[in-house]
Every structure is written in structure tokens, then in C-alpha cells.
Amino acid sequence: MYIGQVAGTVVATIKHPFFMGRKLLFVERLELTGQTTTRYDIAVDTVQAGVGDRVLVLDEGNSGRQVCDVEPWGPVRAVIVGIVDALTLAQEAA
């Protein structure tokens, strides 16, 4: 699981039936500093996130399939499961 930022949407006219009626978002992973990394996922949106939102992404296939309620071998790996309102990091010990 990681925190990412939605950078765009993905549109595919030809796709697996599982994805029919589901929104796909392009999500960039974030460093703890809030900076984007070079890593990304195309994730199924379950929380109505939008471009620019910071989101909580579940990026483990089995858990993602459970969230989406799909058969054990469904074609899903990354799922957006929350929109991040705030992030507070503990202070480092001196």
C-alpha cells in the first residue's frame, strides 16, 4: 500500500469485461516529502478520486480483487481505496 497522486485518467475502448463501467486512473507514487517518483500504477478507482487528489493505493493483487469483489484470477492489481485528507509524520528522534 502506498500514497500516490492521481495524474490522469486512462481510457481504453477495448478491454477485459471486468473493466467495463470502472474508472481507471494513472497514479504516481509519492515520496514521504510529497515529491512524485518515477513509479506509477494504473489503478481501479473505488472512491471517486479525481486528477490532483492524493490517494491511498492498495497495490497487491489478491487484496485488490477482494475490494473489487472479482473472481480469484481477475485482472486487477492496484485499487484506489481512499482519498488522503492529511498526512502527519512523527518527528525524528534527536
N, C-alpha and C. Protein backbone atom coordinates (compact mmCIF):
# COMPACT_ATOMS: atom_id res chain seq x y z
N MET A 1 0.85 -1.17 0.00
CA MET A 1 0.00 0.00 0.00
C MET A 1 0.90 1.23 0.00
N TYR A 2 0.47 2.26 -0.70
CA TYR A 2 1.26 3.48 -0.75
C TYR A 2 0.36 4.69 -0.96
N ILE A 3 0.95 5.87 -0.78
CA ILE A 3 0.25 7.12 -1.06
C ILE A 3 0.73 7.62 -2.41
N GLY A 4 -0.23 7.99 -3.25
CA GLY A 4 0.10 8.48 -4.57
C GLY A 4 -0.72 9.70 -4.91
N GLN A 5 -0.48 10.23 -6.09
CA GLN A 5 -1.23 11.38 -6.59
C GLN A 5 -1.77 11.04 -7.96
N VAL A 6 -3.06 11.28 -8.15
CA VAL A 6 -3.69 11.00 -9.43
C VAL A 6 -3.20 12.02 -10.46
N ALA A 7 -2.59 11.51 -11.53
CA ALA A 7 -2.02 12.38 -12.55
C ALA A 7 -2.88 12.42 -13.82
N GLY A 8 -3.79 11.48 -13.95
CA GLY A 8 -4.61 11.47 -15.16
C GLY A 8 -5.57 10.29 -15.18
N THR A 9 -6.33 10.22 -16.26
CA THR A 9 -7.28 9.13 -16.44
C THR A 9 -6.80 8.25 -17.59
N VAL A 10 -7.26 7.02 -17.59
CA VAL A 10 -6.91 6.08 -18.66
C VAL A 10 -8.20 5.66 -19.34
N VAL A 11 -8.23 5.77 -20.66
CA VAL A 11 -9.40 5.37 -21.45
C VAL A 11 -8.97 4.26 -22.39
N ALA A 12 -9.72 3.16 -22.37
CA ALA A 12 -9.45 2.04 -23.26
C ALA A 12 -10.77 1.58 -23.87
N THR A 13 -10.89 1.65 -25.18
CA THR A 13 -12.15 1.26 -25.81
C THR A 13 -12.27 -0.26 -25.89
N ILE A 14 -11.15 -0.95 -25.98
CA ILE A 14 -11.16 -2.41 -25.99
C ILE A 14 -10.46 -2.86 -24.72
N LYS A 15 -11.19 -3.61 -23.87
CA LYS A 15 -10.65 -4.00 -22.58
C LYS A 15 -11.34 -5.25 -22.08
N HIS A 16 -10.78 -5.85 -21.05
CA HIS A 16 -11.37 -7.02 -20.39
C HIS A 16 -12.74 -6.62 -19.83
N PRO A 17 -13.72 -7.50 -19.88
CA PRO A 17 -15.06 -7.17 -19.38
C PRO A 17 -15.08 -6.67 -17.93
N PHE A 18 -14.13 -7.09 -17.11
CA PHE A 18 -14.07 -6.63 -15.72
C PHE A 18 -14.02 -5.11 -15.64
N PHE A 19 -13.34 -4.47 -16.58
CA PHE A 19 -13.13 -3.03 -16.53
C PHE A 19 -14.29 -2.21 -17.10
N MET A 20 -15.29 -2.86 -17.67
CA MET A 20 -16.45 -2.14 -18.20
C MET A 20 -17.15 -1.40 -17.06
N GLY A 21 -17.34 -0.10 -17.21
CA GLY A 21 -18.03 0.69 -16.20
C GLY A 21 -17.17 1.07 -15.01
N ARG A 22 -15.88 0.76 -15.04
CA ARG A 22 -14.98 1.11 -13.94
C ARG A 22 -14.02 2.19 -14.42
N LYS A 23 -13.74 3.15 -13.54
CA LYS A 23 -12.83 4.24 -13.88
C LYS A 23 -11.39 3.82 -13.56
N LEU A 24 -10.50 4.04 -14.53
CA LEU A 24 -9.07 3.75 -14.35
C LEU A 24 -8.32 5.07 -14.24
N LEU A 25 -7.45 5.16 -13.24
CA LEU A 25 -6.69 6.39 -13.03
C LEU A 25 -5.19 6.10 -13.05
N PHE A 26 -4.44 7.04 -13.59
CA PHE A 26 -2.98 6.97 -13.62
C PHE A 26 -2.48 7.61 -12.32
N VAL A 27 -1.82 6.81 -11.48
CA VAL A 27 -1.40 7.27 -10.16
C VAL A 27 0.12 7.21 -10.04
N GLU A 28 0.72 8.36 -9.70
CA GLU A 28 2.17 8.42 -9.46
C GLU A 28 2.43 8.20 -7.98
N ARG A 29 3.40 7.37 -7.67
CA ARG A 29 3.78 7.15 -6.27
C ARG A 29 4.46 8.39 -5.72
N LEU A 30 4.27 8.64 -4.43
CA LEU A 30 4.88 9.81 -3.79
C LEU A 30 5.93 9.39 -2.77
N GLU A 31 6.98 10.21 -2.67
CA GLU A 31 7.97 10.08 -1.60
C GLU A 31 7.34 10.62 -0.32
N LEU A 32 7.98 10.40 0.83
CA LEU A 32 7.48 10.96 2.09
C LEU A 32 7.49 12.48 2.06
N THR A 33 8.34 13.06 1.22
CA THR A 33 8.40 14.52 1.09
C THR A 33 7.25 15.08 0.27
N GLY A 34 6.51 14.20 -0.38
CA GLY A 34 5.41 14.65 -1.23
C GLY A 34 5.79 14.75 -2.70
N GLN A 35 7.06 14.54 -3.01
CA GLN A 35 7.52 14.59 -4.40
C GLN A 35 7.14 13.30 -5.12
N THR A 36 6.81 13.43 -6.40
CA THR A 36 6.49 12.24 -7.18
C THR A 36 7.76 11.46 -7.50
N THR A 37 7.59 10.17 -7.72
CA THR A 37 8.70 9.31 -8.12
C THR A 37 8.50 8.93 -9.58
N THR A 38 9.37 8.09 -10.10
CA THR A 38 9.22 7.62 -11.47
C THR A 38 8.31 6.40 -11.54
N ARG A 39 7.83 5.92 -10.40
CA ARG A 39 6.98 4.73 -10.36
C ARG A 39 5.51 5.15 -10.43
N TYR A 40 4.72 4.32 -11.07
CA TYR A 40 3.29 4.62 -11.22
C TYR A 40 2.48 3.33 -11.32
N ASP A 41 1.19 3.45 -11.18
CA ASP A 41 0.25 2.35 -11.41
C ASP A 41 -0.95 2.89 -12.15
N ILE A 42 -1.61 2.02 -12.86
CA ILE A 42 -2.94 2.30 -13.38
C ILE A 42 -3.87 1.57 -12.44
N ALA A 43 -4.69 2.33 -11.70
CA ALA A 43 -5.48 1.76 -10.62
C ALA A 43 -6.97 1.91 -10.87
N VAL A 44 -7.72 0.91 -10.40
CA VAL A 44 -9.18 0.97 -10.44
C VAL A 44 -9.63 1.90 -9.32
N ASP A 45 -10.49 2.87 -9.65
CA ASP A 45 -10.97 3.83 -8.67
C ASP A 45 -12.23 3.31 -7.99
N THR A 46 -12.20 3.19 -6.66
CA THR A 46 -13.39 2.75 -5.91
C THR A 46 -13.93 3.86 -5.02
N VAL A 47 -13.31 5.05 -5.05
CA VAL A 47 -13.70 6.12 -4.12
C VAL A 47 -14.01 7.45 -4.80
N GLN A 48 -14.16 7.44 -6.11
CA GLN A 48 -14.46 8.64 -6.89
C GLN A 48 -13.38 9.71 -6.75
N ALA A 49 -12.13 9.29 -6.87
CA ALA A 49 -11.00 10.23 -6.84
C ALA A 49 -10.92 10.96 -8.17
N GLY A 50 -10.17 12.06 -8.17
CA GLY A 50 -10.00 12.84 -9.38
C GLY A 50 -8.56 13.28 -9.56
N VAL A 51 -8.26 13.82 -10.70
CA VAL A 51 -6.91 14.29 -11.00
C VAL A 51 -6.49 15.32 -9.94
N GLY A 52 -5.28 15.15 -9.42
CA GLY A 52 -4.74 16.04 -8.39
C GLY A 52 -4.95 15.53 -6.98
N ASP A 53 -5.86 14.57 -6.78
CA ASP A 53 -6.09 14.03 -5.43
C ASP A 53 -4.92 13.17 -4.98
N ARG A 54 -4.61 13.27 -3.69
CA ARG A 54 -3.68 12.33 -3.08
C ARG A 54 -4.51 11.16 -2.59
N VAL A 55 -4.06 9.96 -2.93
CA VAL A 55 -4.88 8.78 -2.69
C VAL A 55 -4.08 7.67 -2.01
N LEU A 56 -4.81 6.77 -1.38
CA LEU A 56 -4.25 5.57 -0.77
C LEU A 56 -4.48 4.44 -1.76
N VAL A 57 -3.40 3.81 -2.20
CA VAL A 57 -3.48 2.78 -3.23
C VAL A 57 -3.08 1.43 -2.64
N LEU A 58 -3.95 0.47 -2.83
CA LEU A 58 -3.68 -0.92 -2.46
C LEU A 58 -3.12 -1.57 -3.71
N ASP A 59 -1.86 -1.99 -3.67
CA ASP A 59 -1.21 -2.49 -4.88
C ASP A 59 -0.81 -3.95 -4.77
N GLU A 60 -1.66 -4.74 -4.18
CA GLU A 60 -1.43 -6.17 -4.06
C GLU A 60 -2.65 -6.86 -4.67
N GLY A 61 -2.42 -7.66 -5.68
CA GLY A 61 -3.49 -8.23 -6.47
C GLY A 61 -4.62 -8.92 -5.72
N ASN A 62 -4.29 -9.83 -4.81
CA ASN A 62 -5.35 -10.57 -4.11
C ASN A 62 -6.25 -9.63 -3.31
N SER A 63 -5.65 -8.70 -2.59
CA SER A 63 -6.45 -7.74 -1.83
C SER A 63 -7.27 -6.85 -2.75
N GLY A 64 -6.68 -6.44 -3.86
CA GLY A 64 -7.40 -5.62 -4.83
C GLY A 64 -8.61 -6.34 -5.40
N ARG A 65 -8.44 -7.63 -5.68
CA ARG A 65 -9.57 -8.41 -6.19
C ARG A 65 -10.66 -8.53 -5.14
N GLN A 66 -10.28 -8.65 -3.86
CA GLN A 66 -11.29 -8.72 -2.80
C GLN A 66 -12.07 -7.42 -2.70
N VAL A 67 -11.38 -6.28 -2.79
CA VAL A 67 -12.05 -4.98 -2.72
C VAL A 67 -13.04 -4.84 -3.88
N CYS A 68 -12.64 -5.30 -5.06
CA CYS A 68 -13.49 -5.17 -6.25
C CYS A 68 -14.49 -6.32 -6.37
N ASP A 69 -14.41 -7.30 -5.48
CA ASP A 69 -15.32 -8.45 -5.49
C ASP A 69 -15.32 -9.15 -6.85
N VAL A 70 -14.12 -9.57 -7.26
CA VAL A 70 -13.94 -10.23 -8.56
C VAL A 70 -13.39 -11.63 -8.33
N GLU A 71 -13.57 -12.51 -9.31
CA GLU A 71 -13.10 -13.90 -9.19
C GLU A 71 -11.62 -13.95 -8.84
N PRO A 72 -11.18 -15.08 -8.30
CA PRO A 72 -9.79 -15.18 -7.80
C PRO A 72 -8.71 -14.82 -8.81
N TRP A 73 -8.96 -14.96 -10.09
CA TRP A 73 -7.92 -14.68 -11.07
C TRP A 73 -8.29 -13.47 -11.94
N GLY A 74 -9.05 -12.55 -11.41
CA GLY A 74 -9.45 -11.35 -12.16
C GLY A 74 -8.26 -10.46 -12.47
N PRO A 75 -8.38 -9.63 -13.51
CA PRO A 75 -7.25 -8.81 -13.98
C PRO A 75 -7.10 -7.48 -13.25
N VAL A 76 -6.96 -7.52 -11.94
CA VAL A 76 -6.78 -6.27 -11.20
C VAL A 76 -5.64 -6.43 -10.22
N ARG A 77 -4.83 -5.38 -10.07
CA ARG A 77 -3.73 -5.41 -9.12
C ARG A 77 -3.75 -4.19 -8.22
N ALA A 78 -3.96 -3.00 -8.79
CA ALA A 78 -3.92 -1.77 -8.00
C ALA A 78 -5.31 -1.17 -7.91
N VAL A 79 -5.71 -0.80 -6.68
CA VAL A 79 -7.04 -0.26 -6.43
C VAL A 79 -6.90 0.97 -5.53
N ILE A 80 -7.57 2.06 -5.88
CA ILE A 80 -7.60 3.24 -5.02
C ILE A 80 -8.67 3.00 -3.97
N VAL A 81 -8.25 3.00 -2.68
CA VAL A 81 -9.17 2.67 -1.60
C VAL A 81 -9.44 3.84 -0.66
N GLY A 82 -8.81 4.99 -0.90
CA GLY A 82 -9.06 6.15 -0.05
C GLY A 82 -8.49 7.42 -0.64
N ILE A 83 -9.08 8.55 -0.23
CA ILE A 83 -8.56 9.86 -0.59
C ILE A 83 -7.94 10.44 0.67
N VAL A 84 -6.67 10.84 0.59
CA VAL A 84 -5.91 11.32 1.75
C VAL A 84 -6.28 12.78 2.04
N ASP A 85 -6.79 13.03 3.24
CA ASP A 85 -7.10 14.40 3.66
C ASP A 85 -5.88 15.08 4.26
N ALA A 86 -5.11 14.33 5.06
CA ALA A 86 -3.93 14.90 5.71
C ALA A 86 -2.95 13.78 6.01
N LEU A 87 -1.69 14.13 6.11
CA LEU A 87 -0.63 13.19 6.45
C LEU A 87 0.27 13.85 7.47
N THR A 88 0.42 13.21 8.62
CA THR A 88 1.29 13.74 9.66
C THR A 88 2.36 12.71 9.96
N LEU A 89 3.61 13.10 9.80
CA LEU A 89 4.73 12.20 10.09
C LEU A 89 5.28 12.47 11.46
N ALA A 90 5.67 11.42 12.17
CA ALA A 90 6.26 11.58 13.50
C ALA A 90 7.61 12.29 13.37
N GLN A 91 7.95 13.09 14.35
CA GLN A 91 9.25 13.77 14.37
C GLN A 91 10.35 12.76 14.59
N GLU A 92 11.49 12.96 13.92
CA GLU A 92 12.63 12.08 14.16
C GLU A 92 13.22 12.36 15.51
N ALA A 93 13.70 11.30 16.17
CA ALA A 93 14.33 11.46 17.49
C ALA A 93 15.65 12.21 17.33
N ALA A 94 15.92 13.11 18.25
CA ALA A 94 17.14 13.93 18.18
C ALA A 94 18.37 13.17 18.59
